[in-house]
Amino acid sequence: MADLKCGVKNCVYNCDCLCSKGDIMVGGKHAEKKNETCCESFSDRGRGSARNGMEHPCHVIGIDCEATRCIYNVDYKCKADHVNIMGDNACVRGETYCGSFSEAKN
């Protein structure tokens, strides 16, 4: 589990830069750069989504990750100590990205 900071202010799960979803999925199976990843769990607050009252925001969160070229990806789980999800004015998943992505060197 990683210490997660969410910079995606428009996400329904964002509460004071913490995630209230419980766990997230980072996409980007063929990503070689940060901006080729995304938060698959993003849900736009402005599209009629209601905040999930069942979950509470927390610093530490489980992250499933499809970005197999990232050094922190171990068997599709993020093993980074700290993760930043970025996309300040995102309206769709593709406008978000994992700011902690770091391409593994061969």
PDB file of N, CA and C in Angstrom:
ATOM      1  N   MET A   1       0.850  -1.178   0.000  1.00  0.00           N
ATOM      2  CA  MET A   1       0.000   0.000   0.000  1.00  0.00           C
ATOM      3  C   MET A   1       0.891   1.236   0.000  1.00  0.00           C
ATOM      4  N   ALA A   2       0.399   2.255  -0.672  1.00  0.00           N
ATOM      5  CA  ALA A   2       1.190   3.465  -0.865  1.00  0.00           C
ATOM      6  C   ALA A   2       0.537   4.667  -0.195  1.00  0.00           C
ATOM      7  N   ASP A   3       1.371   5.607   0.190  1.00  0.00           N
ATOM      8  CA  ASP A   3       0.902   6.902   0.653  1.00  0.00           C
ATOM      9  C   ASP A   3       0.503   7.664  -0.608  1.00  0.00           C
ATOM     10  N   LEU A   4      -0.779   7.956  -0.775  1.00  0.00           N
ATOM     11  CA  LEU A   4      -1.273   8.553  -2.003  1.00  0.00           C
ATOM     12  C   LEU A   4      -1.718   9.986  -1.797  1.00  0.00           C
ATOM     13  N   LYS A   5      -1.273  10.851  -2.700  1.00  0.00           N
ATOM     14  CA  LYS A   5      -1.748  12.234  -2.739  1.00  0.00           C
ATOM     15  C   LYS A   5      -2.443  12.409  -4.079  1.00  0.00           C
ATOM     16  N   CYS A   6      -3.693  12.843  -4.052  1.00  0.00           N
ATOM     17  CA  CYS A   6      -4.471  13.020  -5.269  1.00  0.00           C
ATOM     18  C   CYS A   6      -4.596  14.495  -5.610  1.00  0.00           C
ATOM     19  N   GLY A   7      -4.092  14.856  -6.774  1.00  0.00           N
ATOM     20  CA  GLY A   7      -4.181  16.224  -7.255  1.00  0.00           C
ATOM     21  C   GLY A   7      -5.294  16.415  -8.272  1.00  0.00           C
ATOM     22  N   VAL A   8      -6.203  15.458  -8.356  1.00  0.00           N
ATOM     23  CA  VAL A   8      -7.307  15.522  -9.318  1.00  0.00           C
ATOM     24  C   VAL A   8      -8.531  16.077  -8.591  1.00  0.00           C
ATOM     25  N   LYS A   9      -8.625  17.383  -8.545  1.00  0.00           N
ATOM     26  CA  LYS A   9      -9.653  18.052  -7.752  1.00  0.00           C
ATOM     27  C   LYS A   9     -11.074  17.751  -8.208  1.00  0.00           C
ATOM     28  N   ASN A  10     -11.260  17.427  -9.482  1.00  0.00           N
ATOM     29  CA  ASN A  10     -12.598  17.163 -10.009  1.00  0.00           C
ATOM     30  C   ASN A  10     -13.077  15.745  -9.762  1.00  0.00           C
ATOM     31  N   CYS A  11     -12.268  14.910  -9.154  1.00  0.00           N
ATOM     32  CA  CYS A  11     -12.671  13.521  -8.926  1.00  0.00           C
ATOM     33  C   CYS A  11     -13.605  13.422  -7.724  1.00  0.00           C
ATOM     34  N   VAL A  12     -14.667  12.651  -7.879  1.00  0.00           N
ATOM     35  CA  VAL A  12     -15.652  12.481  -6.818  1.00  0.00           C
ATOM     36  C   VAL A  12     -15.034  11.864  -5.559  1.00  0.00           C
ATOM     37  N   TYR A  13     -13.946  11.127  -5.703  1.00  0.00           N
ATOM     38  CA  TYR A  13     -13.304  10.470  -4.563  1.00  0.00           C
ATOM     39  C   TYR A  13     -12.273  11.350  -3.854  1.00  0.00           C
ATOM     40  N   ASN A  14     -11.936  12.515  -4.432  1.00  0.00           N
ATOM     41  CA  ASN A  14     -10.928  13.395  -3.846  1.00  0.00           C
ATOM     42  C   ASN A  14     -11.529  14.178  -2.687  1.00  0.00           C
ATOM     43  N   CYS A  15     -10.874  14.076  -1.534  1.00  0.00           N
ATOM     44  CA  CYS A  15     -11.278  14.830  -0.351  1.00  0.00           C
ATOM     45  C   CYS A  15     -10.012  15.397   0.283  1.00  0.00           C
ATOM     46  N   ASP A  16      -9.767  16.676   0.071  1.00  0.00           N
ATOM     47  CA  ASP A  16      -8.569  17.335   0.596  1.00  0.00           C
ATOM     48  C   ASP A  16      -7.289  16.628   0.158  1.00  0.00           C
ATOM     49  N   CYS A  17      -7.222  16.274  -1.128  1.00  0.00           N
ATOM     50  CA  CYS A  17      -6.071  15.615  -1.764  1.00  0.00           C
ATOM     51  C   CYS A  17      -5.848  14.183  -1.291  1.00  0.00           C
ATOM     52  N   LEU A  18      -6.840  13.612  -0.632  1.00  0.00           N
ATOM     53  CA  LEU A  18      -6.808  12.202  -0.245  1.00  0.00           C
ATOM     54  C   LEU A  18      -7.899  11.477  -1.019  1.00  0.00           C
ATOM     55  N   CYS A  19      -7.742  10.177  -1.179  1.00  0.00           N
ATOM     56  CA  CYS A  19      -8.713   9.383  -1.922  1.00  0.00           C
ATOM     57  C   CYS A  19      -9.644   8.659  -0.955  1.00  0.00           C
ATOM     58  N   SER A  20     -10.943   8.740  -1.232  1.00  0.00           N
ATOM     59  CA  SER A  20     -11.915   8.069  -0.367  1.00  0.00           C
ATOM     60  C   SER A  20     -12.477   6.797  -1.009  1.00  0.00           C
ATOM     61  N   LYS A  21     -11.886   6.360  -2.138  1.00  0.00           N
ATOM     62  CA  LYS A  21     -12.403   5.177  -2.825  1.00  0.00           C
ATOM     63  C   LYS A  21     -12.042   3.879  -2.122  1.00  0.00           C
ATOM     64  N   GLY A  22     -10.889   3.827  -1.502  1.00  0.00           N
ATOM     65  CA  GLY A  22     -10.453   2.604  -0.818  1.00  0.00           C
ATOM     66  C   GLY A  22      -9.306   1.929  -1.540  1.00  0.00           C
ATOM     67  N   ASP A  23      -9.388   1.871  -2.878  1.00  0.00           N
ATOM     68  CA  ASP A  23      -8.297   1.379  -3.704  1.00  0.00           C
ATOM     69  C   ASP A  23      -8.511   1.943  -5.105  1.00  0.00           C
ATOM     70  N   ILE A  24      -7.451   2.021  -5.894  1.00  0.00           N
ATOM     71  CA  ILE A  24      -7.576   2.561  -7.243  1.00  0.00           C
ATOM     72  C   ILE A  24      -6.841   1.675  -8.239  1.00  0.00           C
ATOM     73  N   MET A  25      -7.104   1.929  -9.520  1.00  0.00           N
ATOM     74  CA  MET A  25      -6.417   1.252 -10.616  1.00  0.00           C
ATOM     75  C   MET A  25      -5.725   2.305 -11.466  1.00  0.00           C
ATOM     76  N   VAL A  26      -4.428   2.131 -11.679  1.00  0.00           N
ATOM     77  CA  VAL A  26      -3.683   2.982 -12.596  1.00  0.00           C
ATOM     78  C   VAL A  26      -3.574   2.233 -13.920  1.00  0.00           C
ATOM     79  N   GLY A  27      -3.984   2.888 -14.988  1.00  0.00           N
ATOM     80  CA  GLY A  27      -3.913   2.308 -16.319  1.00  0.00           C
ATOM     81  C   GLY A  27      -2.677   2.785 -17.053  1.00  0.00           C
ATOM     82  N   GLY A  28      -2.374   2.117 -18.151  1.00  0.00           N
ATOM     83  CA  GLY A  28      -1.230   2.502 -18.973  1.00  0.00           C
ATOM     84  C   GLY A  28      -0.371   1.308 -19.305  1.00  0.00           C
ATOM     85  N   LYS A  29      -0.983   0.275 -19.835  1.00  0.00           N
ATOM     86  CA  LYS A  29      -0.286  -0.987 -20.090  1.00  0.00           C
ATOM     87  C   LYS A  29       0.990  -0.808 -20.901  1.00  0.00           C
ATOM     88  N   HIS A  30       0.983   0.099 -21.860  1.00  0.00           N
ATOM     89  CA  HIS A  30       2.161   0.304 -22.708  1.00  0.00           C
ATOM     90  C   HIS A  30       2.879   1.618 -22.394  1.00  0.00           C
ATOM     91  N   ALA A  31       2.576   2.211 -21.253  1.00  0.00           N
ATOM     92  CA  ALA A  31       3.134   3.521 -20.898  1.00  0.00           C
ATOM     93  C   ALA A  31       4.653   3.489 -20.788  1.00  0.00           C
ATOM     94  N   GLU A  32       5.260   4.509 -21.367  1.00  0.00           N
ATOM     95  CA  GLU A  32       6.698   4.730 -21.237  1.00  0.00           C
ATOM     96  C   GLU A  32       6.976   6.064 -20.568  1.00  0.00           C
ATOM     97  N   LYS A  33       5.921   6.876 -20.388  1.00  0.00           N
ATOM     98  CA  LYS A  33       6.015   8.189 -19.757  1.00  0.00           C
ATOM     99  C   LYS A  33       4.824   8.366 -18.823  1.00  0.00           C
ATOM    100  N   LYS A  34       4.974   9.268 -17.874  1.00  0.00           N
ATOM    101  CA  LYS A  34       3.907   9.541 -16.906  1.00  0.00           C
ATOM    102  C   LYS A  34       2.581   9.858 -17.573  1.00  0.00           C
ATOM    103  N   ASN A  35       2.627  10.719 -18.599  1.00  0.00           N
ATOM    104  CA  ASN A  35       1.375  11.161 -19.220  1.00  0.00           C
ATOM    105  C   ASN A  35       0.716  10.082 -20.067  1.00  0.00           C
ATOM    106  N   GLU A  36       1.308   8.901 -20.146  1.00  0.00           N
ATOM    107  CA  GLU A  36       0.689   7.774 -20.846  1.00  0.00           C
ATOM    108  C   GLU A  36      -0.024   6.840 -19.864  1.00  0.00           C
ATOM    109  N   THR A  37      -0.057   7.236 -18.594  1.00  0.00           N
ATOM    110  CA  THR A  37      -0.805   6.500 -17.574  1.00  0.00           C
ATOM    111  C   THR A  37      -2.087   7.268 -17.281  1.00  0.00           C
ATOM    112  N   CYS A  38      -2.961   6.691 -16.492  1.00  0.00           N
ATOM    113  CA  CYS A  38      -4.165   7.404 -16.057  1.00  0.00           C
ATOM    114  C   CYS A  38      -4.717   6.719 -14.817  1.00  0.00           C
ATOM    115  N   CYS A  39      -5.566   7.431 -14.112  1.00  0.00           N
ATOM    116  CA  CYS A  39      -6.276   6.830 -12.991  1.00  0.00           C
ATOM    117  C   CYS A  39      -7.583   6.274 -13.539  1.00  0.00           C
ATOM    118  N   GLU A  40      -7.644   4.964 -13.682  1.00  0.00           N
ATOM    119  CA  GLU A  40      -8.832   4.296 -14.211  1.00  0.00           C
ATOM    120  C   GLU A  40     -10.025   4.444 -13.264  1.00  0.00           C
ATOM    121  N   SER A  41      -9.765   4.769 -12.009  1.00  0.00           N
ATOM    122  CA  SER A  41     -10.823   4.893 -11.012  1.00  0.00           C
ATOM    123  C   SER A  41     -11.446   6.288 -10.974  1.00  0.00           C
ATOM    124  N   PHE A  42     -10.913   7.215 -11.759  1.00  0.00           N
ATOM    125  CA  PHE A  42     -11.424   8.581 -11.800  1.00  0.00           C
ATOM    126  C   PHE A  42     -12.911   8.619 -12.154  1.00  0.00           C
ATOM    127  N   SER A  43     -13.646   9.431 -11.433  1.00  0.00           N
ATOM    128  CA  SER A  43     -15.047   9.699 -11.736  1.00  0.00           C
ATOM    129  C   SER A  43     -15.276  11.197 -11.550  1.00  0.00           C
ATOM    130  N   ASP A  44     -15.687  11.863 -12.609  1.00  0.00           N
ATOM    131  CA  ASP A  44     -15.840  13.318 -12.606  1.00  0.00           C
ATOM    132  C   ASP A  44     -16.953  13.754 -11.659  1.00  0.00           C
ATOM    133  N   ARG A  45     -16.601  14.594 -10.725  1.00  0.00           N
ATOM    134  CA  ARG A  45     -17.551  15.134  -9.744  1.00  0.00           C
ATOM    135  C   ARG A  45     -18.656  15.950 -10.418  1.00  0.00           C
ATOM    136  N   GLY A  46     -18.350  16.549 -11.545  1.00  0.00           N
ATOM    137  CA  GLY A  46     -19.300  17.410 -12.231  1.00  0.00           C
ATOM    138  C   GLY A  46     -20.300  16.674 -13.102  1.00  0.00           C
ATOM    139  N   ARG A  47     -20.238  15.373 -13.178  1.00  0.00           N
ATOM    140  CA  ARG A  47     -21.145  14.618 -14.050  1.00  0.00           C
ATOM    141  C   ARG A  47     -22.262  13.957 -13.252  1.00  0.00           C
ATOM    142  N   GLY A  48     -22.672  14.580 -12.188  1.00  0.00           N
ATOM    143  CA  GLY A  48     -23.794  14.062 -11.420  1.00  0.00           C
ATOM    144  C   GLY A  48     -23.429  12.960 -10.451  1.00  0.00           C
ATOM    145  N   SER A  49     -22.140  12.677 -10.289  1.00  0.00           N
ATOM    146  CA  SER A  49     -21.714  11.638  -9.352  1.00  0.00           C
ATOM    147  C   SER A  49     -21.810  12.158  -7.935  1.00  0.00           C
ATOM    148  N   ALA A  50     -22.241  11.328  -7.048  1.00  0.00           N
ATOM    149  CA  ALA A  50     -22.312  11.699  -5.629  1.00  0.00           C
ATOM    150  C   ALA A  50     -21.093  11.132  -4.902  1.00  0.00           C
ATOM    151  N   ARG A  51     -20.654  11.831  -3.892  1.00  0.00           N
ATOM    152  CA  ARG A  51     -19.530  11.340  -3.093  1.00  0.00           C
ATOM    153  C   ARG A  51     -19.943  10.059  -2.389  1.00  0.00           C
ATOM    154  N   ASN A  52     -19.045   9.101  -2.340  1.00  0.00           N
ATOM    155  CA  ASN A  52     -19.312   7.816  -1.700  1.00  0.00           C
ATOM    156  C   ASN A  52     -19.196   7.976  -0.191  1.00  0.00           C
ATOM    157  N   GLY A  53     -20.309   7.982   0.497  1.00  0.00           N
ATOM    158  CA  GLY A  53     -20.319   8.173   1.936  1.00  0.00           C
ATOM    159  C   GLY A  53     -19.849   6.961   2.726  1.00  0.00           C
ATOM    160  N   MET A  54     -19.697   5.816   2.075  1.00  0.00           N
ATOM    161  CA  MET A  54     -19.282   4.599   2.765  1.00  0.00           C
ATOM    162  C   MET A  54     -17.786   4.572   3.059  1.00  0.00           C
ATOM    163  N   GLU A  55     -17.020   5.300   2.282  1.00  0.00           N
ATOM    164  CA  GLU A  55     -15.567   5.294   2.447  1.00  0.00           C
ATOM    165  C   GLU A  55     -15.106   6.603   3.073  1.00  0.00           C
ATOM    166  N   HIS A  56     -13.960   6.566   3.703  1.00  0.00           N
ATOM    167  CA  HIS A  56     -13.376   7.755   4.293  1.00  0.00           C
ATOM    168  C   HIS A  56     -12.023   7.993   3.649  1.00  0.00           C
ATOM    169  N   PRO A  57     -11.650   9.252   3.426  1.00  0.00           N
ATOM    170  CA  PRO A  57     -10.353   9.525   2.808  1.00  0.00           C
ATOM    171  C   PRO A  57      -9.223   9.052   3.714  1.00  0.00           C
ATOM    172  N   CYS A  58      -8.180   8.530   3.091  1.00  0.00           N
ATOM    173  CA  CYS A  58      -7.034   8.089   3.880  1.00  0.00           C
ATOM    174  C   CYS A  58      -5.747   8.312   3.095  1.00  0.00           C
ATOM    175  N   HIS A  59      -4.648   8.357   3.818  1.00  0.00           N
ATOM    176  CA  HIS A  59      -3.334   8.567   3.208  1.00  0.00           C
ATOM    177  C   HIS A  59      -2.832   7.313   2.511  1.00  0.00           C
ATOM    178  N   VAL A  60      -3.064   6.164   3.082  1.00  0.00           N
ATOM    179  CA  VAL A  60      -2.521   4.908   2.562  1.00  0.00           C
ATOM    180  C   VAL A  60      -3.623   4.158   1.828  1.00  0.00           C
ATOM    181  N   ILE A  61      -3.298   3.708   0.610  1.00  0.00           N
ATOM    182  CA  ILE A  61      -4.313   3.104  -0.251  1.00  0.00           C
ATOM    183  C   ILE A  61      -3.691   2.000  -1.107  1.00  0.00           C
ATOM    184  N   GLY A  62      -4.476   1.006  -1.441  1.00  0.00           N
ATOM    185  CA  GLY A  62      -4.029  -0.053  -2.335  1.00  0.00           C
ATOM    186  C   GLY A  62      -4.140   0.411  -3.777  1.00  0.00           C
ATOM    187  N   ILE A  63      -3.113   0.125  -4.574  1.00  0.00           N
ATOM    188  CA  ILE A  63      -3.107   0.555  -5.968  1.00  0.00           C
ATOM    189  C   ILE A  63      -2.793  -0.624  -6.873  1.00  0.00           C
ATOM    190  N   ASP A  64      -3.779  -0.997  -7.688  1.00  0.00           N
ATOM    191  CA  ASP A  64      -3.533  -1.961  -8.757  1.00  0.00           C
ATOM    192  C   ASP A  64      -2.973  -1.160  -9.920  1.00  0.00           C
ATOM    193  N   CYS A  65      -2.048  -1.748 -10.677  1.00  0.00           N
ATOM    194  CA  CYS A  65      -1.373  -0.981 -11.717  1.00  0.00           C
ATOM    195  C   CYS A  65      -1.137  -1.807 -12.969  1.00  0.00           C
ATOM    196  N   GLU A  66      -1.604  -1.271 -14.100  1.00  0.00           N
ATOM    197  CA  GLU A  66      -1.389  -1.911 -15.386  1.00  0.00           C
ATOM    198  C   GLU A  66      -0.122  -1.424 -16.080  1.00  0.00           C
ATOM    199  N   ALA A  67       0.537  -0.417 -15.540  1.00  0.00           N
ATOM    200  CA  ALA A  67       1.738   0.152 -16.159  1.00  0.00           C
ATOM    201  C   ALA A  67       2.933  -0.766 -15.890  1.00  0.00           C
ATOM    202  N   THR A  68       3.022  -1.820 -16.680  1.00  0.00           N
ATOM    203  CA  THR A  68       4.019  -2.870 -16.442  1.00  0.00           C
ATOM    204  C   THR A  68       5.454  -2.406 -16.635  1.00  0.00           C
ATOM    205  N   ARG A  69       5.653  -1.269 -17.288  1.00  0.00           N
ATOM    206  CA  ARG A  69       7.008  -0.760 -17.501  1.00  0.00           C
ATOM    207  C   ARG A  69       7.479   0.151 -16.368  1.00  0.00           C
ATOM    208  N   CYS A  70       6.654   0.334 -15.357  1.00  0.00           N
ATOM    209  CA  CYS A  70       7.026   1.171 -14.215  1.00  0.00           C
ATOM    210  C   CYS A  70       7.854   0.357 -13.221  1.00  0.00           C
ATOM    211  N   ILE A  71       8.881   0.976 -12.655  1.00  0.00           N
ATOM    212  CA  ILE A  71       9.753   0.272 -11.703  1.00  0.00           C
ATOM    213  C   ILE A  71       9.013  -0.133 -10.432  1.00  0.00           C
ATOM    214  N   TYR A  72       7.893   0.514 -10.134  1.00  0.00           N
ATOM    215  CA  TYR A  72       7.152   0.218  -8.913  1.00  0.00           C
ATOM    216  C   TYR A  72       6.101  -0.874  -9.103  1.00  0.00           C
ATOM    217  N   ASN A  73       5.885  -1.322 -10.327  1.00  0.00           N
ATOM    218  CA  ASN A  73       4.885  -2.333 -10.615  1.00  0.00           C
ATOM    219  C   ASN A  73       5.465  -3.728 -10.358  1.00  0.00           C
ATOM    220  N   VAL A  74       4.876  -4.429  -9.408  1.00  0.00           N
ATOM    221  CA  VAL A  74       5.261  -5.803  -9.097  1.00  0.00           C
ATOM    222  C   VAL A  74       3.989  -6.644  -9.153  1.00  0.00           C
ATOM    223  N   ASP A  75       3.895  -7.476 -10.180  1.00  0.00           N
ATOM    224  CA  ASP A  75       2.713  -8.328 -10.367  1.00  0.00           C
ATOM    225  C   ASP A  75       1.414  -7.524 -10.340  1.00  0.00           C
ATOM    226  N   TYR A  76       1.409  -6.406 -11.064  1.00  0.00           N
ATOM    227  CA  TYR A  76       0.243  -5.532 -11.220  1.00  0.00           C
ATOM    228  C   TYR A  76      -0.192  -4.842  -9.931  1.00  0.00           C
ATOM    229  N   LYS A  77       0.720  -4.727  -8.970  1.00  0.00           N
ATOM    230  CA  LYS A  77       0.481  -3.972  -7.741  1.00  0.00           C
ATOM    231  C   LYS A  77       1.553  -2.899  -7.637  1.00  0.00           C
ATOM    232  N   CYS A  78       1.166  -1.711  -7.222  1.00  0.00           N
ATOM    233  CA  CYS A  78       2.136  -0.629  -7.033  1.00  0.00           C
ATOM    234  C   CYS A  78       2.843  -0.824  -5.705  1.00  0.00           C
ATOM    235  N   LYS A  79       4.164  -0.823  -5.747  1.00  0.00           N
ATOM    236  CA  LYS A  79       4.968  -1.007  -4.541  1.00  0.00           C
ATOM    237  C   LYS A  79       5.713   0.267  -4.141  1.00  0.00           C
ATOM    238  N   ALA A  80       5.331   1.402  -4.731  1.00  0.00           N
ATOM    239  CA  ALA A  80       5.947   2.682  -4.372  1.00  0.00           C
ATOM    240  C   ALA A  80       5.546   3.062  -2.951  1.00  0.00           C
ATOM    241  N   ASP A  81       6.437   3.750  -2.256  1.00  0.00           N
ATOM    242  CA  ASP A  81       6.106   4.237  -0.916  1.00  0.00           C
ATOM    243  C   ASP A  81       5.135   5.412  -0.990  1.00  0.00           C
ATOM    244  N   HIS A  82       5.303   6.257  -2.025  1.00  0.00           N
ATOM    245  CA  HIS A  82       4.466   7.444  -2.180  1.00  0.00           C
ATOM    246  C   HIS A  82       4.043   7.566  -3.642  1.00  0.00           C
ATOM    247  N   VAL A  83       2.776   7.873  -3.874  1.00  0.00           N
ATOM    248  CA  VAL A  83       2.239   8.024  -5.220  1.00  0.00           C
ATOM    249  C   VAL A  83       1.470   9.336  -5.329  1.00  0.00           C
ATOM    250  N   ASN A  84       1.715  10.056  -6.424  1.00  0.00           N
ATOM    251  CA  ASN A  84       0.981  11.280  -6.735  1.00  0.00           C
ATOM    252  C   ASN A  84       0.136  11.031  -7.972  1.00  0.00           C
ATOM    253  N   ILE A  85      -1.171  11.180  -7.847  1.00  0.00           N
ATOM    254  CA  ILE A  85      -2.057  11.131  -9.002  1.00  0.00           C
ATOM    255  C   ILE A  85      -2.336  12.577  -9.388  1.00  0.00           C
ATOM    256  N   MET A  86      -2.097  12.899 -10.646  1.00  0.00           N
ATOM    257  CA  MET A  86      -2.163  14.278 -11.116  1.00  0.00           C
ATOM    258  C   MET A  86      -3.259  14.450 -12.156  1.00  0.00           C
ATOM    259  N   GLY A  87      -3.650  15.710 -12.365  1.00  0.00           N
ATOM    260  CA  GLY A  87      -4.660  16.053 -13.358  1.00  0.00           C
ATOM    261  C   GLY A  87      -5.627  17.073 -12.794  1.00  0.00           C
ATOM    262  N   ASP A  88      -5.112  18.208 -12.418  1.00  0.00           N
ATOM    263  CA  ASP A  88      -5.859  19.234 -11.690  1.00  0.00           C
ATOM    264  C   ASP A  88      -7.249  19.517 -12.248  1.00  0.00           C
ATOM    265  N   ASN A  89      -7.372  19.732 -13.538  1.00  0.00           N
ATOM    266  CA  ASN A  89      -8.670  20.091 -14.122  1.00  0.00           C
ATOM    267  C   ASN A  89      -9.256  18.966 -14.968  1.00  0.00           C
ATOM    268  N   ALA A  90      -8.937  17.737 -14.644  1.00  0.00           N
ATOM    269  CA  ALA A  90      -9.391  16.588 -15.437  1.00  0.00           C
ATOM    270  C   ALA A  90     -10.906  16.473 -15.470  1.00  0.00           C
ATOM    271  N   CYS A  91     -11.404  16.124 -16.644  1.00  0.00           N
ATOM    272  CA  CYS A  91     -12.834  15.842 -16.813  1.00  0.00           C
ATOM    273  C   CYS A  91     -13.052  14.396 -17.243  1.00  0.00           C
ATOM    274  N   VAL A  92     -11.995  13.757 -17.730  1.00  0.00           N
ATOM    275  CA  VAL A  92     -12.033  12.361 -18.154  1.00  0.00           C
ATOM    276  C   VAL A  92     -10.763  11.667 -17.673  1.00  0.00           C
ATOM    277  N   ARG A  93     -10.782  10.346 -17.606  1.00  0.00           N
ATOM    278  CA  ARG A  93      -9.628   9.564 -17.130  1.00  0.00           C
ATOM    279  C   ARG A  93      -8.334   9.906 -17.849  1.00  0.00           C
ATOM    280  N   GLY A  94      -8.427  10.085 -19.154  1.00  0.00           N
ATOM    281  CA  GLY A  94      -7.237  10.344 -19.957  1.00  0.00           C
ATOM    282  C   GLY A  94      -6.535  11.646 -19.629  1.00  0.00           C
ATOM    283  N   GLU A  95      -7.161  12.492 -18.838  1.00  0.00           N
ATOM    284  CA  GLU A  95      -6.542  13.750 -18.424  1.00  0.00           C
ATOM    285  C   GLU A  95      -5.884  13.622 -17.052  1.00  0.00           C
ATOM    286  N   THR A  96      -5.873  12.426 -16.502  1.00  0.00           N
ATOM    287  CA  THR A  96      -5.187  12.154 -15.239  1.00  0.00           C
ATOM    288  C   THR A  96      -3.927  11.362 -15.543  1.00  0.00           C
ATOM    289  N   TYR A  97      -2.986  11.328 -14.612  1.00  0.00           N
ATOM    290  CA  TYR A  97      -1.794  10.499 -14.786  1.00  0.00           C
ATOM    291  C   TYR A  97      -1.132  10.233 -13.446  1.00  0.00           C
ATOM    292  N   CYS A  98      -0.313   9.196 -13.431  1.00  0.00           N
ATOM    293  CA  CYS A  98       0.448   8.860 -12.233  1.00  0.00           C
ATOM    294  C   CYS A  98       1.760   9.630 -12.270  1.00  0.00           C
ATOM    295  N   GLY A  99       1.880  10.618 -11.408  1.00  0.00           N
ATOM    296  CA  GLY A  99       3.080  11.443 -11.346  1.00  0.00           C
ATOM    297  C   GLY A  99       4.265  10.713 -10.763  1.00  0.00           C
ATOM    298  N   SER A 100       4.053   9.544 -10.217  1.00  0.00           N
ATOM    299  CA  SER A 100       5.141   8.761  -9.630  1.00  0.00           C
ATOM    300  C   SER A 100       5.696   7.706 -10.585  1.00  0.00           C
ATOM    301  N   PHE A 101       5.085   7.580 -11.778  1.00  0.00           N
ATOM    302  CA  PHE A 101       5.554   6.610 -12.759  1.00  0.00           C
ATOM    303  C   PHE A 101       7.018   6.845 -13.080  1.00  0.00           C
ATOM    304  N   SER A 102       7.787   5.782 -13.103  1.00  0.00           N
ATOM    305  CA  SER A 102       9.200   5.846 -13.483  1.00  0.00           C
ATOM    306  C   SER A 102       9.509   4.593 -14.305  1.00  0.00           C
ATOM    307  N   GLU A 103       9.893   4.806 -15.547  1.00  0.00           N
ATOM    308  CA  GLU A 103      10.112   3.689 -16.455  1.00  0.00           C
ATOM    309  C   GLU A 103      11.311   2.853 -16.012  1.00  0.00           C
ATOM    310  N   ALA A 104      11.108   1.554 -15.975  1.00  0.00           N
ATOM    311  CA  ALA A 104      12.178   0.612 -15.650  1.00  0.00           C
ATOM    312  C   ALA A 104      13.179   0.596 -16.799  1.00  0.00           C
ATOM    313  N   LYS A 105      14.428   0.608 -16.481  1.00  0.00           N
ATOM    314  CA  LYS A 105      15.489   0.526 -17.490  1.00  0.00           C
ATOM    315  C   LYS A 105      15.841  -0.928 -17.721  1.00  0.00           C
ATOM    316  N   ASN A 106      16.005  -1.298 -18.970  1.00  0.00           N
ATOM    317  CA  ASN A 106      16.360  -2.691 -19.308  1.00  0.00           C
ATOM    318  C   ASN A 106      17.829  -2.943 -19.147  1.00  0.00           C
TER     319      ASN A 106
END
